[in-house]
């Protein structure tokens, strides 16, 4: 299967990011080896891509996603305990009010 230059230029972004299928990667690589025009355009694309990615890069630690999930879990537990504490204190205060009103009526 021989790819045209237009198709290769459409696939360059997928090829660069490693998202193309293995067969497509082989075909694009073979075309880039043979076609000097596409190879020059690919090099220009790669240069611009690297410049943009360096400018907009977010430095992530490998375990950052795991840390995020652990933090989210802690926050869920904290909200649950706050809600439970508020509920218990509300029930106790209502119970105390009812008990005081009942005691006042008996006196």
PDB file of N, CA and C in Angstrom:
ATOM      1  N   UNK A   1       0.848  -1.181   0.000  1.00  0.00           N
ATOM      2  CA  UNK A   1       0.000   0.000   0.000  1.00  0.00           C
ATOM      3  C   UNK A   1       0.890   1.240   0.000  1.00  0.00           C
ATOM      4  N   UNK A   2       0.716   2.047  -0.987  1.00  0.00           N
ATOM      5  CA  UNK A   2       1.504   3.259  -1.107  1.00  0.00           C
ATOM      6  C   UNK A   2       0.610   4.453  -0.779  1.00  0.00           C
ATOM      7  N   UNK A   3       1.048   5.243   0.162  1.00  0.00           N
ATOM      8  CA  UNK A   3       0.258   6.398   0.588  1.00  0.00           C
ATOM      9  C   UNK A   3       0.646   7.629  -0.221  1.00  0.00           C
ATOM     10  N   UNK A   4      -0.331   8.456  -0.518  1.00  0.00           N
ATOM     11  CA  UNK A   4      -0.047   9.714  -1.202  1.00  0.00           C
ATOM     12  C   UNK A   4       0.480  10.727  -0.190  1.00  0.00           C
ATOM     13  N   UNK A   5       1.081  11.768  -0.693  1.00  0.00           N
ATOM     14  CA  UNK A   5       1.653  12.804   0.184  1.00  0.00           C
ATOM     15  C   UNK A   5       0.578  13.479   1.032  1.00  0.00           C
ATOM     16  N   UNK A   6      -0.601  13.702   0.454  1.00  0.00           N
ATOM     17  CA  UNK A   6      -1.687  14.335   1.213  1.00  0.00           C
ATOM     18  C   UNK A   6      -2.126  13.468   2.391  1.00  0.00           C
ATOM     19  N   UNK A   7      -2.221  12.176   2.165  1.00  0.00           N
ATOM     20  CA  UNK A   7      -2.636  11.252   3.233  1.00  0.00           C
ATOM     21  C   UNK A   7      -1.570  11.210   4.319  1.00  0.00           C
ATOM     22  N   UNK A   8      -0.318  11.180   3.917  1.00  0.00           N
ATOM     23  CA  UNK A   8       0.776  11.151   4.903  1.00  0.00           C
ATOM     24  C   UNK A   8       0.756  12.412   5.751  1.00  0.00           C
ATOM     25  N   UNK A   9       0.547  13.568   5.146  1.00  0.00           N
ATOM     26  CA  UNK A   9       0.504  14.818   5.912  1.00  0.00           C
ATOM     27  C   UNK A   9      -0.697  14.841   6.858  1.00  0.00           C
ATOM     28  N   UNK A  10      -1.788  14.178   6.478  1.00  0.00           N
ATOM     29  CA  UNK A  10      -2.938  14.073   7.381  1.00  0.00           C
ATOM     30  C   UNK A  10      -2.632  13.158   8.569  1.00  0.00           C
ATOM     31  N   UNK A  11      -1.778  12.164   8.350  1.00  0.00           N
ATOM     32  CA  UNK A  11      -1.462  11.185   9.388  1.00  0.00           C
ATOM     33  C   UNK A  11      -0.260  11.568  10.248  1.00  0.00           C
ATOM     34  N   UNK A  12       0.418  12.641   9.884  1.00  0.00           N
ATOM     35  CA  UNK A  12       1.644  13.027  10.585  1.00  0.00           C
ATOM     36  C   UNK A  12       1.405  13.256  12.076  1.00  0.00           C
ATOM     37  N   UNK A  13       0.307  13.908  12.439  1.00  0.00           N
ATOM     38  CA  UNK A  13       0.040  14.186  13.861  1.00  0.00           C
ATOM     39  C   UNK A  13      -0.140  12.884  14.638  1.00  0.00           C
ATOM     40  N   UNK A  14      -0.886  11.943  14.061  1.00  0.00           N
ATOM     41  CA  UNK A  14      -1.061  10.646  14.727  1.00  0.00           C
ATOM     42  C   UNK A  14       0.260   9.900  14.806  1.00  0.00           C
ATOM     43  N   UNK A  15       1.041   9.972  13.752  1.00  0.00           N
ATOM     44  CA  UNK A  15       2.349   9.319  13.709  1.00  0.00           C
ATOM     45  C   UNK A  15       3.271   9.916  14.772  1.00  0.00           C
ATOM     46  N   UNK A  16       3.298  11.231  14.877  1.00  0.00           N
ATOM     47  CA  UNK A  16       4.155  11.918  15.844  1.00  0.00           C
ATOM     48  C   UNK A  16       3.789  11.542  17.273  1.00  0.00           C
ATOM     49  N   UNK A  17       2.487  11.473  17.566  1.00  0.00           N
ATOM     50  CA  UNK A  17       2.031  11.173  18.923  1.00  0.00           C
ATOM     51  C   UNK A  17       2.045   9.685  19.246  1.00  0.00           C
ATOM     52  N   UNK A  18       2.314   8.846  18.256  1.00  0.00           N
ATOM     53  CA  UNK A  18       2.335   7.405  18.474  1.00  0.00           C
ATOM     54  C   UNK A  18       0.944   6.808  18.578  1.00  0.00           C
ATOM     55  N   UNK A  19      -0.050   7.486  18.026  1.00  0.00           N
ATOM     56  CA  UNK A  19      -1.433   7.028  18.115  1.00  0.00           C
ATOM     57  C   UNK A  19      -1.887   6.257  16.885  1.00  0.00           C
ATOM     58  N   UNK A  20      -1.081   6.261  15.841  1.00  0.00           N
ATOM     59  CA  UNK A  20      -1.436   5.530  14.620  1.00  0.00           C
ATOM     60  C   UNK A  20      -1.218   4.037  14.848  1.00  0.00           C
ATOM     61  N   UNK A  21      -1.933   3.245  14.095  1.00  0.00           N
ATOM     62  CA  UNK A  21      -1.776   1.791  14.206  1.00  0.00           C
ATOM     63  C   UNK A  21      -0.376   1.400  13.726  1.00  0.00           C
ATOM     64  N   UNK A  22       0.114   0.236  14.144  1.00  0.00           N
ATOM     65  CA  UNK A  22       1.467  -0.175  13.724  1.00  0.00           C
ATOM     66  C   UNK A  22       1.643  -0.222  12.199  1.00  0.00           C
ATOM     67  N   UNK A  23       0.623  -0.698  11.481  1.00  0.00           N
ATOM     68  CA  UNK A  23       0.725  -0.737  10.016  1.00  0.00           C
ATOM     69  C   UNK A  23       0.819   0.670   9.434  1.00  0.00           C
ATOM     70  N   UNK A  24       0.000   1.594   9.962  1.00  0.00           N
ATOM     71  CA  UNK A  24       0.024   2.971   9.483  1.00  0.00           C
ATOM     72  C   UNK A  24       1.368   3.613   9.793  1.00  0.00           C
ATOM     73  N   UNK A  25       1.917   3.336  10.972  1.00  0.00           N
ATOM     74  CA  UNK A  25       3.223   3.882  11.327  1.00  0.00           C
ATOM     75  C   UNK A  25       4.296   3.400  10.352  1.00  0.00           C
ATOM     76  N   UNK A  26       4.245   2.116  10.002  1.00  0.00           N
ATOM     77  CA  UNK A  26       5.227   1.582   9.056  1.00  0.00           C
ATOM     78  C   UNK A  26       5.090   2.251   7.687  1.00  0.00           C
ATOM     79  N   UNK A  27       3.856   2.398   7.239  1.00  0.00           N
ATOM     80  CA  UNK A  27       3.617   3.012   5.932  1.00  0.00           C
ATOM     81  C   UNK A  27       4.073   4.475   5.905  1.00  0.00           C
ATOM     82  N   UNK A  28       3.749   5.203   6.968  1.00  0.00           N
ATOM     83  CA  UNK A  28       4.153   6.616   7.028  1.00  0.00           C
ATOM     84  C   UNK A  28       5.669   6.721   7.098  1.00  0.00           C
ATOM     85  N   UNK A  29       6.304   5.869   7.915  1.00  0.00           N
ATOM     86  CA  UNK A  29       7.763   5.893   8.022  1.00  0.00           C
ATOM     87  C   UNK A  29       8.413   5.559   6.679  1.00  0.00           C
ATOM     88  N   UNK A  30       7.866   4.574   5.995  1.00  0.00           N
ATOM     89  CA  UNK A  30       8.411   4.211   4.692  1.00  0.00           C
ATOM     90  C   UNK A  30       8.254   5.369   3.698  1.00  0.00           C
ATOM     91  N   UNK A  31       7.116   6.016   3.715  1.00  0.00           N
ATOM     92  CA  UNK A  31       6.890   7.144   2.810  1.00  0.00           C
ATOM     93  C   UNK A  31       7.838   8.305   3.138  1.00  0.00           C
ATOM     94  N   UNK A  32       8.029   8.569   4.443  1.00  0.00           N
ATOM     95  CA  UNK A  32       8.921   9.669   4.837  1.00  0.00           C
ATOM     96  C   UNK A  32      10.362   9.383   4.437  1.00  0.00           C
ATOM     97  N   UNK A  33      10.749   8.108   4.396  1.00  0.00           N
ATOM     98  CA  UNK A  33      12.107   7.761   3.966  1.00  0.00           C
ATOM     99  C   UNK A  33      12.287   7.986   2.470  1.00  0.00           C
ATOM    100  N   UNK A  34      11.217   7.800   1.713  1.00  0.00           N
ATOM    101  CA  UNK A  34      11.312   7.889   0.256  1.00  0.00           C
ATOM    102  C   UNK A  34      11.063   9.300  -0.272  1.00  0.00           C
ATOM    103  N   UNK A  35      10.158  10.045   0.358  1.00  0.00           N
ATOM    104  CA  UNK A  35       9.732  11.346  -0.171  1.00  0.00           C
ATOM    105  C   UNK A  35      10.438  12.480   0.578  1.00  0.00           C
ATOM    106  N   UNK A  36      11.304  13.201  -0.116  1.00  0.00           N
ATOM    107  CA  UNK A  36      12.064  14.282   0.520  1.00  0.00           C
ATOM    108  C   UNK A  36      11.165  15.461   0.902  1.00  0.00           C
ATOM    109  N   UNK A  37      10.157  15.721   0.083  1.00  0.00           N
ATOM    110  CA  UNK A  37       9.235  16.831   0.353  1.00  0.00           C
ATOM    111  C   UNK A  37       8.459  16.582   1.654  1.00  0.00           C
ATOM    112  N   UNK A  38       7.918  15.386   1.807  1.00  0.00           N
ATOM    113  CA  UNK A  38       7.158  15.047   3.025  1.00  0.00           C
ATOM    114  C   UNK A  38       8.074  14.986   4.247  1.00  0.00           C
ATOM    115  N   UNK A  39       9.299  14.500   4.031  1.00  0.00           N
ATOM    116  CA  UNK A  39      10.260  14.419   5.133  1.00  0.00           C
ATOM    117  C   UNK A  39      10.595  15.815   5.648  1.00  0.00           C
ATOM    118  N   UNK A  40      10.760  16.774   4.743  1.00  0.00           N
ATOM    119  CA  UNK A  40      11.052  18.156   5.135  1.00  0.00           C
ATOM    120  C   UNK A  40       9.854  18.768   5.872  1.00  0.00           C
ATOM    121  N   UNK A  41       8.650  18.511   5.372  1.00  0.00           N
ATOM    122  CA  UNK A  41       7.450  19.021   6.051  1.00  0.00           C
ATOM    123  C   UNK A  41       7.275  18.377   7.421  1.00  0.00           C
ATOM    124  N   UNK A  42       7.589  17.087   7.510  1.00  0.00           N
ATOM    125  CA  UNK A  42       7.490  16.397   8.798  1.00  0.00           C
ATOM    126  C   UNK A  42       8.485  16.968   9.804  1.00  0.00           C
ATOM    127  N   UNK A  43       9.707  17.213   9.349  1.00  0.00           N
ATOM    128  CA  UNK A  43      10.711  17.809  10.252  1.00  0.00           C
ATOM    129  C   UNK A  43      10.260  19.185  10.739  1.00  0.00           C
ATOM    130  N   UNK A  44       9.678  19.978   9.849  1.00  0.00           N
ATOM    131  CA  UNK A  44       9.167  21.297  10.233  1.00  0.00           C
ATOM    132  C   UNK A  44       8.026  21.152  11.238  1.00  0.00           C
ATOM    133  N   UNK A  45       7.123  20.221  10.972  1.00  0.00           N
ATOM    134  CA  UNK A  45       6.003  19.968  11.895  1.00  0.00           C
ATOM    135  C   UNK A  45       6.529  19.544  13.262  1.00  0.00           C
ATOM    136  N   UNK A  46       7.497  18.623  13.251  1.00  0.00           N
ATOM    137  CA  UNK A  46       8.052  18.127  14.516  1.00  0.00           C
ATOM    138  C   UNK A  46       8.738  19.237  15.292  1.00  0.00           C
ATOM    139  N   UNK A  47       9.433  20.124  14.604  1.00  0.00           N
ATOM    140  CA  UNK A  47      10.110  21.244  15.258  1.00  0.00           C
ATOM    141  C   UNK A  47       9.089  22.179  15.915  1.00  0.00           C
ATOM    142  N   UNK A  48       8.027  22.504  15.173  1.00  0.00           N
ATOM    143  CA  UNK A  48       6.975  23.369  15.718  1.00  0.00           C
ATOM    144  C   UNK A  48       6.236  22.679  16.862  1.00  0.00           C
ATOM    145  N   UNK A  49       5.988  21.392  16.721  1.00  0.00           N
ATOM    146  CA  UNK A  49       5.304  20.620  17.757  1.00  0.00           C
ATOM    147  C   UNK A  49       6.111  20.627  19.053  1.00  0.00           C
ATOM    148  N   UNK A  50       7.413  20.415  18.935  1.00  0.00           N
ATOM    149  CA  UNK A  50       8.275  20.406  20.118  1.00  0.00           C
ATOM    150  C   UNK A  50       8.346  21.775  20.768  1.00  0.00           C
ATOM    151  N   UNK A  51       8.371  22.831  19.971  1.00  0.00           N
ATOM    152  CA  UNK A  51       8.410  24.188  20.528  1.00  0.00           C
ATOM    153  C   UNK A  51       7.129  24.491  21.289  1.00  0.00           C
ATOM    154  N   UNK A  52       5.994  24.105  20.721  1.00  0.00           N
ATOM    155  CA  UNK A  52       4.709  24.335  21.388  1.00  0.00           C
ATOM    156  C   UNK A  52       4.596  23.486  22.639  1.00  0.00           C
ATOM    157  N   UNK A  53       5.015  22.225  22.561  1.00  0.00           N
ATOM    158  CA  UNK A  53       4.881  21.345  23.724  1.00  0.00           C
ATOM    159  C   UNK A  53       5.808  21.781  24.862  1.00  0.00           C
ATOM    160  N   UNK A  54       6.978  22.337  24.530  1.00  0.00           N
ATOM    161  CA  UNK A  54       7.866  22.841  25.577  1.00  0.00           C
ATOM    162  C   UNK A  54       7.249  24.048  26.264  1.00  0.00           C
ATOM    163  N   UNK A  55       6.592  24.892  25.469  1.00  0.00           N
ATOM    164  CA  UNK A  55       5.985  26.104  26.010  1.00  0.00           C
ATOM    165  C   UNK A  55       4.791  25.780  26.905  1.00  0.00           C
ATOM    166  N   UNK A  56       4.012  24.779  26.525  1.00  0.00           N
ATOM    167  CA  UNK A  56       2.774  24.462  27.234  1.00  0.00           C
ATOM    168  C   UNK A  56       2.878  23.215  28.094  1.00  0.00           C
ATOM    169  N   UNK A  57       4.075  22.768  28.353  1.00  0.00           N
ATOM    170  CA  UNK A  57       4.245  21.507  29.076  1.00  0.00           C
ATOM    171  C   UNK A  57       3.869  21.668  30.542  1.00  0.00           C
ATOM    172  N   UNK A  58       3.132  20.710  31.035  1.00  0.00           N
ATOM    173  CA  UNK A  58       2.812  20.626  32.457  1.00  0.00           C
ATOM    174  C   UNK A  58       3.645  19.472  32.995  1.00  0.00           C
ATOM    175  N   UNK A  59       4.483  19.772  33.949  1.00  0.00           N
ATOM    176  CA  UNK A  59       5.343  18.737  34.491  1.00  0.00           C
ATOM    177  C   UNK A  59       4.563  17.908  35.487  1.00  0.00           C
ATOM    178  N   UNK A  60       4.297  16.684  35.128  1.00  0.00           N
ATOM    179  CA  UNK A  60       3.538  15.777  35.984  1.00  0.00           C
ATOM    180  C   UNK A  60       4.460  14.702  36.521  1.00  0.00           C
ATOM    181  N   UNK A  61       4.301  14.425  37.786  1.00  0.00           N
ATOM    182  CA  UNK A  61       5.023  13.309  38.359  1.00  0.00           C
ATOM    183  C   UNK A  61       4.254  12.045  38.019  1.00  0.00           C
ATOM    184  N   UNK A  62       4.943  10.927  37.908  1.00  0.00           N
ATOM    185  CA  UNK A  62       4.254   9.690  37.540  1.00  0.00           C
ATOM    186  C   UNK A  62       3.147   9.298  38.507  1.00  0.00           C
ATOM    187  N   UNK A  63       3.341   9.587  39.775  1.00  0.00           N
ATOM    188  CA  UNK A  63       2.339   9.182  40.761  1.00  0.00           C
ATOM    189  C   UNK A  63       1.361  10.303  41.099  1.00  0.00           C
ATOM    190  N   UNK A  64       1.343  11.364  40.302  1.00  0.00           N
ATOM    191  CA  UNK A  64       0.482  12.508  40.590  1.00  0.00           C
ATOM    192  C   UNK A  64      -0.996  12.134  40.515  1.00  0.00           C
ATOM    193  N   UNK A  65      -1.358  11.288  39.559  1.00  0.00           N
ATOM    194  CA  UNK A  65      -2.754  10.869  39.436  1.00  0.00           C
ATOM    195  C   UNK A  65      -3.172  10.066  40.667  1.00  0.00           C
ATOM    196  N   UNK A  66      -2.283   9.196  41.146  1.00  0.00           N
ATOM    197  CA  UNK A  66      -2.578   8.406  42.346  1.00  0.00           C
ATOM    198  C   UNK A  66      -2.732   9.330  43.545  1.00  0.00           C
ATOM    199  N   UNK A  67      -1.872  10.348  43.646  1.00  0.00           N
ATOM    200  CA  UNK A  67      -1.987  11.302  44.742  1.00  0.00           C
ATOM    201  C   UNK A  67      -3.310  12.059  44.678  1.00  0.00           C
ATOM    202  N   UNK A  68      -3.753  12.397  43.474  1.00  0.00           N
ATOM    203  CA  UNK A  68      -5.027  13.084  43.310  1.00  0.00           C
ATOM    204  C   UNK A  68      -6.173  12.220  43.825  1.00  0.00           C
ATOM    205  N   UNK A  69      -6.176  10.935  43.473  1.00  0.00           N
ATOM    206  CA  UNK A  69      -7.252  10.046  43.928  1.00  0.00           C
ATOM    207  C   UNK A  69      -7.225   9.873  45.446  1.00  0.00           C
ATOM    208  N   UNK A  70      -6.037   9.805  46.024  1.00  0.00           N
ATOM    209  CA  UNK A  70      -5.942   9.697  47.479  1.00  0.00           C
ATOM    210  C   UNK A  70      -6.468  10.960  48.152  1.00  0.00           C
ATOM    211  N   UNK A  71      -6.150  12.130  47.596  1.00  0.00           N
ATOM    212  CA  UNK A  71      -6.642  13.386  48.137  1.00  0.00           C
ATOM    213  C   UNK A  71      -8.164  13.462  48.017  1.00  0.00           C
ATOM    214  N   UNK A  72      -8.698  13.044  46.874  1.00  0.00           N
ATOM    215  CA  UNK A  72     -10.146  13.055  46.677  1.00  0.00           C
ATOM    216  C   UNK A  72     -10.824  12.126  47.679  1.00  0.00           C
ATOM    217  N   UNK A  73     -10.221  10.988  47.942  1.00  0.00           N
ATOM    218  CA  UNK A  73     -10.783  10.039  48.911  1.00  0.00           C
ATOM    219  C   UNK A  73     -10.784  10.648  50.313  1.00  0.00           C
ATOM    220  N   UNK A  74      -9.696  11.309  50.689  1.00  0.00           N
ATOM    221  CA  UNK A  74      -9.636  11.964  52.000  1.00  0.00           C
ATOM    222  C   UNK A  74     -10.709  13.047  52.124  1.00  0.00           C
ATOM    223  N   UNK A  75     -10.889  13.801  51.045  1.00  0.00           N
ATOM    224  CA  UNK A  75     -11.889  14.870  51.084  1.00  0.00           C
ATOM    225  C   UNK A  75     -13.300  14.297  51.198  1.00  0.00           C
ATOM    226  N   UNK A  76     -13.577  13.179  50.527  1.00  0.00           N
ATOM    227  CA  UNK A  76     -14.888  12.537  50.656  1.00  0.00           C
ATOM    228  C   UNK A  76     -15.129  12.090  52.090  1.00  0.00           C
ATOM    229  N   UNK A  77     -14.121  11.449  52.705  1.00  0.00           N
ATOM    230  CA  UNK A  77     -14.265  11.011  54.100  1.00  0.00           C
ATOM    231  C   UNK A  77     -14.470  12.207  55.028  1.00  0.00           C
ATOM    232  N   UNK A  78     -13.716  13.279  54.776  1.00  0.00           N
ATOM    233  CA  UNK A  78     -13.842  14.473  55.617  1.00  0.00           C
ATOM    234  C   UNK A  78     -15.251  15.054  55.514  1.00  0.00           C
ATOM    235  N   UNK A  79     -15.798  15.145  54.292  1.00  0.00           N
ATOM    236  CA  UNK A  79     -17.171  15.644  54.119  1.00  0.00           C
ATOM    237  C   UNK A  79     -18.175  14.728  54.804  1.00  0.00           C
ATOM    238  N   UNK A  80     -17.932  13.413  54.702  1.00  0.00           N
ATOM    239  CA  UNK A  80     -18.845  12.459  55.325  1.00  0.00           C
ATOM    240  C   UNK A  80     -18.846  12.640  56.848  1.00  0.00           C
ATOM    241  N   UNK A  81     -17.668  12.793  57.441  1.00  0.00           N
ATOM    242  CA  UNK A  81     -17.594  12.980  58.891  1.00  0.00           C
ATOM    243  C   UNK A  81     -18.192  14.315  59.314  1.00  0.00           C
ATOM    244  N   UNK A  82     -17.982  15.351  58.540  1.00  0.00           N
ATOM    245  CA  UNK A  82     -18.577  16.650  58.872  1.00  0.00           C
ATOM    246  C   UNK A  82     -20.093  16.555  58.817  1.00  0.00           C
ATOM    247  N   UNK A  83     -20.619  15.917  57.771  1.00  0.00           N
ATOM    248  CA  UNK A  83     -22.066  15.745  57.655  1.00  0.00           C
ATOM    249  C   UNK A  83     -22.614  14.909  58.811  1.00  0.00           C
ATOM    250  N   UNK A  84     -21.913  13.818  59.150  1.00  0.00           N
ATOM    251  CA  UNK A  84     -22.358  12.963  60.252  1.00  0.00           C
ATOM    252  C   UNK A  84     -22.321  13.731  61.572  1.00  0.00           C
ATOM    253  N   UNK A  85     -21.261  14.504  61.792  1.00  0.00           N
ATOM    254  CA  UNK A  85     -21.157  15.284  63.023  1.00  0.00           C
ATOM    255  C   UNK A  85     -22.243  16.338  63.123  1.00  0.00           C
ATOM    256  N   UNK A  86     -22.518  17.011  62.004  1.00  0.00           N
ATOM    257  CA  UNK A  86     -23.580  18.018  62.004  1.00  0.00           C
ATOM    258  C   UNK A  86     -24.933  17.371  62.251  1.00  0.00           C
ATOM    259  N   UNK A  87     -25.161  16.202  61.660  1.00  0.00           N
ATOM    260  CA  UNK A  87     -26.429  15.499  61.863  1.00  0.00           C
ATOM    261  C   UNK A  87     -26.597  15.076  63.310  1.00  0.00           C
ATOM    262  N   UNK A  88     -25.548  14.515  63.884  1.00  0.00           N
ATOM    263  CA  UNK A  88     -25.625  14.076  65.283  1.00  0.00           C
ATOM    264  C   UNK A  88     -25.845  15.268  66.201  1.00  0.00           C
ATOM    265  N   UNK A  89     -25.130  16.369  65.971  1.00  0.00           N
ATOM    266  CA  UNK A  89     -25.305  17.534  66.842  1.00  0.00           C
ATOM    267  C   UNK A  89     -26.705  18.120  66.690  1.00  0.00           C
ATOM    268  N   UNK A  90     -27.281  18.078  65.490  1.00  0.00           N
ATOM    269  CA  UNK A  90     -28.630  18.578  65.290  1.00  0.00           C
ATOM    270  C   UNK A  90     -29.642  17.690  66.012  1.00  0.00           C
ATOM    271  N   UNK A  91     -29.466  16.379  65.923  1.00  0.00           N
ATOM    272  CA  UNK A  91     -30.380  15.461  66.619  1.00  0.00           C
ATOM    273  C   UNK A  91     -30.275  15.652  68.126  1.00  0.00           C
ATOM    274  N   UNK A  92     -29.066  15.821  68.640  1.00  0.00           N
ATOM    275  CA  UNK A  92     -28.888  16.027  70.082  1.00  0.00           C
ATOM    276  C   UNK A  92     -29.521  17.342  70.517  1.00  0.00           C
ATOM    277  N   UNK A  93     -29.317  18.415  69.744  1.00  0.00           N
ATOM    278  CA  UNK A  93     -29.891  19.707  70.134  1.00  0.00           C
ATOM    279  C   UNK A  93     -31.421  19.659  70.084  1.00  0.00           C
ATOM    280  N   UNK A  94     -32.012  19.026  69.071  1.00  0.00           N
ATOM    281  CA  UNK A  94     -33.466  18.883  69.018  1.00  0.00           C
ATOM    282  C   UNK A  94     -33.973  18.034  70.184  1.00  0.00           C
ATOM    283  N   UNK A  95     -33.232  16.971  70.474  1.00  0.00           N
ATOM    284  CA  UNK A  95     -33.614  16.125  71.605  1.00  0.00           C
ATOM    285  C   UNK A  95     -33.565  16.903  72.914  1.00  0.00           C
ATOM    286  N   UNK A  96     -32.553  17.710  73.090  1.00  0.00           N
ATOM    287  CA  UNK A  96     -32.422  18.524  74.300  1.00  0.00           C
ATOM    288  C   UNK A  96     -33.552  19.545  74.393  1.00  0.00           C
ATOM    289  N   UNK A  97     -33.892  20.177  73.260  1.00  0.00           N
ATOM    290  CA  UNK A  97     -34.998  21.142  73.258  1.00  0.00           C
ATOM    291  C   UNK A  97     -36.321  20.456  73.622  1.00  0.00           C
ATOM    292  N   UNK A  98     -36.571  19.331  73.039  1.00  0.00           N
ATOM    293  CA  UNK A  98     -37.818  18.597  73.335  1.00  0.00           C
ATOM    294  C   UNK A  98     -37.850  18.171  74.788  1.00  0.00           C
ATOM    295  N   UNK A  99     -36.714  17.688  75.300  1.00  0.00           N
ATOM    296  CA  UNK A  99     -36.658  17.260  76.702  1.00  0.00           C
ATOM    297  C   UNK A  99     -36.919  18.448  77.635  1.00  0.00           C
ATOM    298  N   UNK A 100     -36.303  19.632  77.326  1.00  0.00           N
ATOM    299  CA  UNK A 100     -36.519  20.811  78.155  1.00  0.00           C
ATOM    300  C   UNK A 100     -37.979  21.268  78.103  1.00  0.00           C
ATOM    301  N   UNK A 101     -38.586  21.253  76.930  1.00  0.00           N
ATOM    302  CA  UNK A 101     -39.998  21.634  76.825  1.00  0.00           C
ATOM    303  C   UNK A 101     -40.888  20.657  77.579  1.00  0.00           C
ATOM    304  N   UNK A 102     -40.611  19.388  77.473  1.00  0.00           N
ATOM    305  CA  UNK A 102     -41.387  18.383  78.183  1.00  0.00           C
ATOM    306  C   UNK A 102     -41.230  18.549  79.691  1.00  0.00           C
ATOM    307  N   UNK A 103     -40.000  18.802  80.144  1.00  0.00           N
ATOM    308  CA  UNK A 103     -39.745  18.984  81.577  1.00  0.00           C
ATOM    309  C   UNK A 103     -40.450  20.238  82.080  1.00  0.00           C
ATOM    310  N   UNK A 104     -40.446  21.341  81.286  1.00  0.00           N
ATOM    311  CA  UNK A 104     -41.094  22.581  81.675  1.00  0.00           C
ATOM    312  C   UNK A 104     -42.600  22.398  81.825  1.00  0.00           C
ATOM    313  N   UNK A 105     -43.203  21.589  80.968  1.00  0.00           N
ATOM    314  CA  UNK A 105     -44.632  21.342  81.038  1.00  0.00           C
ATOM    315  C   UNK A 105     -44.992  20.552  82.283  1.00  0.00           C
ATOM    316  N   UNK A 106     -44.097  19.701  82.747  1.00  0.00           N
ATOM    317  CA  UNK A 106     -44.380  18.874  83.914  1.00  0.00           C
ATOM    318  C   UNK A 106     -44.300  19.680  85.196  1.00  0.00           C
ATOM    319  N   UNK A 107     -43.541  20.775  85.168  1.00  0.00           N
ATOM    320  CA  UNK A 107     -43.380  21.560  86.398  1.00  0.00           C
ATOM    321  C   UNK A 107     -44.499  22.483  86.629  1.00  0.00           C
TER     322      UNK A 107
END
